[in-house]
Amino acid sequence: MARLLIVGGFLAVIFWVFSIVDVAAQPADRHRGVSKGTWILIVVLLPVIGGILWFWIGRRRRGERVSDFVMGPDDDPVALQHMSTAEQDARIRQLEEELARLDDETDGTDPRS
């Protein structure tokens, strides 16, 4: 039993060090979620769990690009920079009208039913 614990601990340390090196060696555009420094802290402070999270959630796959994730124009800062003030005002009016129409549709109904 003691041998199993020693081997398991040794494998956990190897996985932990490998995870730290992998996070540190990846370019900044291959991280998902949070920044590279935050991923290093997660992996260092949560040795095995942090490494599992890194490989499961944080590491962007080779063929996966940032542009693979579709972003609406209202959430895209680049698209918003290219919109004129008149276009932005028109978009805001359109969204307010849509919201008012949705509010009018739900005014006559009981929300609990």
C-alpha atoms as a PDB file:
ATOM      1  CA  MET A   1       0.000   0.000   0.000  1.00  0.00           C
ATOM      2  CA  ALA A   2       2.846   2.372   0.827  1.00  0.00           C
ATOM      3  CA  ARG A   3       4.454   1.673  -2.545  1.00  0.00           C
ATOM      4  CA  LEU A   4       1.210   2.571  -4.286  1.00  0.00           C
ATOM      5  CA  LEU A   5       1.039   5.886  -2.417  1.00  0.00           C
ATOM      6  CA  ILE A   6       4.672   6.656  -3.231  1.00  0.00           C
ATOM      7  CA  VAL A   7       4.190   5.860  -6.932  1.00  0.00           C
ATOM      8  CA  GLY A   8       0.909   7.819  -7.011  1.00  0.00           C
ATOM      9  CA  GLY A   9       2.554  10.823  -5.357  1.00  0.00           C
ATOM     10  CA  PHE A  10       5.485  10.636  -7.748  1.00  0.00           C
ATOM     11  CA  LEU A  11       3.130  10.536 -10.763  1.00  0.00           C
ATOM     12  CA  ALA A  12       1.126  13.462  -9.346  1.00  0.00           C
ATOM     13  CA  VAL A  13       4.317  15.537  -8.981  1.00  0.00           C
ATOM     14  CA  ILE A  14       5.366  14.689 -12.545  1.00  0.00           C
ATOM     15  CA  PHE A  15       1.912  15.670 -13.858  1.00  0.00           C
ATOM     16  CA  TRP A  16       1.991  18.884 -11.802  1.00  0.00           C
ATOM     17  CA  VAL A  17       5.406  19.938 -13.139  1.00  0.00           C
ATOM     18  CA  PHE A  18       4.415  18.989 -16.697  1.00  0.00           C
ATOM     19  CA  SER A  19       1.230  21.102 -16.377  1.00  0.00           C
ATOM     20  CA  ILE A  20       3.171  24.138 -15.123  1.00  0.00           C
ATOM     21  CA  VAL A  21       5.688  23.850 -17.957  1.00  0.00           C
ATOM     22  CA  ASP A  22       2.919  23.387 -20.536  1.00  0.00           C
ATOM     23  CA  VAL A  23       1.035  26.493 -19.345  1.00  0.00           C
ATOM     24  CA  ALA A  24       4.235  28.551 -19.317  1.00  0.00           C
ATOM     25  CA  ALA A  25       5.365  27.334 -22.764  1.00  0.00           C
ATOM     26  CA  GLN A  26       2.080  28.018 -24.576  1.00  0.00           C
ATOM     27  CA  PRO A  27       1.780  31.291 -26.508  1.00  0.00           C
ATOM     28  CA  ALA A  28      -0.697  33.821 -25.115  1.00  0.00           C
ATOM     29  CA  ASP A  29      -3.233  33.168 -27.901  1.00  0.00           C
ATOM     30  CA  ARG A  30      -3.539  29.481 -26.961  1.00  0.00           C
ATOM     31  CA  HIS A  31      -5.239  30.159 -23.595  1.00  0.00           C
ATOM     32  CA  ARG A  32      -8.982  30.116 -23.003  1.00  0.00           C
ATOM     33  CA  GLY A  33     -10.827  31.898 -20.248  1.00  0.00           C
ATOM     34  CA  VAL A  34      -8.264  33.736 -18.178  1.00  0.00           C
ATOM     35  CA  SER A  35      -4.741  35.043 -18.761  1.00  0.00           C
ATOM     36  CA  LYS A  36      -1.583  32.981 -18.825  1.00  0.00           C
ATOM     37  CA  GLY A  37      -0.482  34.226 -15.393  1.00  0.00           C
ATOM     38  CA  THR A  38      -3.791  33.257 -13.855  1.00  0.00           C
ATOM     39  CA  TRP A  39      -3.559  29.762 -15.363  1.00  0.00           C
ATOM     40  CA  ILE A  40      -0.065  29.370 -13.903  1.00  0.00           C
ATOM     41  CA  LEU A  41      -1.417  30.357 -10.464  1.00  0.00           C
ATOM     42  CA  ILE A  42      -4.319  27.912 -10.797  1.00  0.00           C
ATOM     43  CA  VAL A  43      -1.995  25.047 -11.729  1.00  0.00           C
ATOM     44  CA  VAL A  44       0.537  25.899  -9.005  1.00  0.00           C
ATOM     45  CA  LEU A  45      -2.009  26.383  -6.205  1.00  0.00           C
ATOM     46  CA  LEU A  46      -4.199  23.390  -7.159  1.00  0.00           C
ATOM     47  CA  PRO A  47      -1.576  20.833  -8.217  1.00  0.00           C
ATOM     48  CA  VAL A  48      -3.526  17.956  -9.780  1.00  0.00           C
ATOM     49  CA  ILE A  49      -6.922  19.634 -10.152  1.00  0.00           C
ATOM     50  CA  GLY A  50      -5.348  22.739 -11.707  1.00  0.00           C
ATOM     51  CA  GLY A  51      -3.523  20.601 -14.270  1.00  0.00           C
ATOM     52  CA  ILE A  52      -6.710  18.753 -15.152  1.00  0.00           C
ATOM     53  CA  LEU A  53      -8.572  22.055 -15.522  1.00  0.00           C
ATOM     54  CA  TRP A  54      -5.777  23.417 -17.713  1.00  0.00           C
ATOM     55  CA  PHE A  55      -5.865  20.487 -20.133  1.00  0.00           C
ATOM     56  CA  TRP A  56      -9.666  20.226 -20.106  1.00  0.00           C
ATOM     57  CA  ILE A  57     -10.766  23.881 -20.157  1.00  0.00           C
ATOM     58  CA  GLY A  58      -7.838  26.279 -20.530  1.00  0.00           C
ATOM     59  CA  ARG A  59      -5.735  24.930 -23.356  1.00  0.00           C
ATOM     60  CA  ARG A  60      -6.839  25.892 -26.839  1.00  0.00           C
ATOM     61  CA  ARG A  61      -6.402  23.058 -29.328  1.00  0.00           C
ATOM     62  CA  ARG A  62      -4.051  23.400 -32.304  1.00  0.00           C
ATOM     63  CA  GLY A  63      -6.644  23.919 -35.044  1.00  0.00           C
ATOM     64  CA  GLU A  64      -8.957  25.994 -32.852  1.00  0.00           C
ATOM     65  CA  ARG A  65      -8.876  29.729 -33.513  1.00  0.00           C
ATOM     66  CA  VAL A  66     -10.301  32.609 -31.541  1.00  0.00           C
ATOM     67  CA  SER A  67     -12.452  33.474 -34.553  1.00  0.00           C
ATOM     68  CA  ASP A  68     -14.163  30.047 -34.285  1.00  0.00           C
ATOM     69  CA  PHE A  69     -16.296  31.525 -31.511  1.00  0.00           C
ATOM     70  CA  VAL A  70     -19.078  33.639 -32.971  1.00  0.00           C
ATOM     71  CA  MET A  71     -19.568  36.994 -31.302  1.00  0.00           C
ATOM     72  CA  GLY A  72     -22.506  39.300 -31.896  1.00  0.00           C
ATOM     73  CA  PRO A  73     -21.823  42.789 -33.211  1.00  0.00           C
ATOM     74  CA  ASP A  74     -22.953  44.355 -29.931  1.00  0.00           C
ATOM     75  CA  ASP A  75     -20.280  42.359 -28.064  1.00  0.00           C
ATOM     76  CA  ASP A  76     -17.447  42.844 -30.554  1.00  0.00           C
ATOM     77  CA  PRO A  77     -15.314  45.895 -29.661  1.00  0.00           C
ATOM     78  CA  VAL A  78     -13.783  46.005 -33.154  1.00  0.00           C
ATOM     79  CA  ALA A  79     -17.219  46.156 -34.807  1.00  0.00           C
ATOM     80  CA  LEU A  80     -18.320  48.855 -32.366  1.00  0.00           C
ATOM     81  CA  GLN A  81     -15.256  50.974 -33.142  1.00  0.00           C
ATOM     82  CA  HIS A  82     -16.109  50.892 -36.850  1.00  0.00           C
ATOM     83  CA  MET A  83     -19.742  51.923 -36.288  1.00  0.00           C
ATOM     84  CA  SER A  84     -20.541  55.594 -36.517  1.00  0.00           C
ATOM     85  CA  THR A  85     -22.435  57.326 -33.731  1.00  0.00           C
ATOM     86  CA  ALA A  86     -25.536  57.502 -35.936  1.00  0.00           C
ATOM     87  CA  GLU A  87     -25.363  53.726 -36.535  1.00  0.00           C
ATOM     88  CA  GLN A  88     -24.933  53.085 -32.830  1.00  0.00           C
ATOM     89  CA  ASP A  89     -27.915  55.331 -32.005  1.00  0.00           C
ATOM     90  CA  ALA A  90     -30.039  53.558 -34.638  1.00  0.00           C
ATOM     91  CA  ARG A  91     -29.049  50.164 -33.186  1.00  0.00           C
ATOM     92  CA  ILE A  92     -29.955  51.336 -29.669  1.00  0.00           C
ATOM     93  CA  ARG A  93     -33.357  52.620 -30.880  1.00  0.00           C
ATOM     94  CA  GLN A  94     -34.007  49.323 -32.647  1.00  0.00           C
ATOM     95  CA  LEU A  95     -33.167  47.331 -29.508  1.00  0.00           C
ATOM     96  CA  GLU A  96     -35.331  49.602 -27.323  1.00  0.00           C
ATOM     97  CA  GLU A  97     -38.284  49.196 -29.710  1.00  0.00           C
ATOM     98  CA  GLU A  98     -37.822  45.432 -29.682  1.00  0.00           C
ATOM     99  CA  LEU A  99     -37.699  45.423 -25.881  1.00  0.00           C
ATOM    100  CA  ALA A 100     -40.834  47.589 -25.661  1.00  0.00           C
ATOM    101  CA  ARG A 101     -42.634  45.239 -28.061  1.00  0.00           C
ATOM    102  CA  LEU A 102     -41.655  42.237 -25.942  1.00  0.00           C
ATOM    103  CA  ASP A 103     -42.831  44.042 -22.792  1.00  0.00           C
ATOM    104  CA  ASP A 104     -46.186  44.791 -24.429  1.00  0.00           C
ATOM    105  CA  GLU A 105     -46.616  41.128 -25.375  1.00  0.00           C
ATOM    106  CA  THR A 106     -46.118  39.962 -21.794  1.00  0.00           C
ATOM    107  CA  ASP A 107     -48.160  42.691 -20.044  1.00  0.00           C
ATOM    108  CA  GLY A 108     -51.476  40.847 -20.325  1.00  0.00           C
ATOM    109  CA  THR A 109     -50.245  37.491 -19.074  1.00  0.00           C
ATOM    110  CA  ASP A 110     -49.716  36.171 -15.578  1.00  0.00           C
ATOM    111  CA  PRO A 111     -46.002  35.302 -15.217  1.00  0.00           C
ATOM    112  CA  ARG A 112     -46.794  32.510 -12.745  1.00  0.00           C
ATOM    113  CA  SER A 113     -48.915  30.515 -15.183  1.00  0.00           C
END
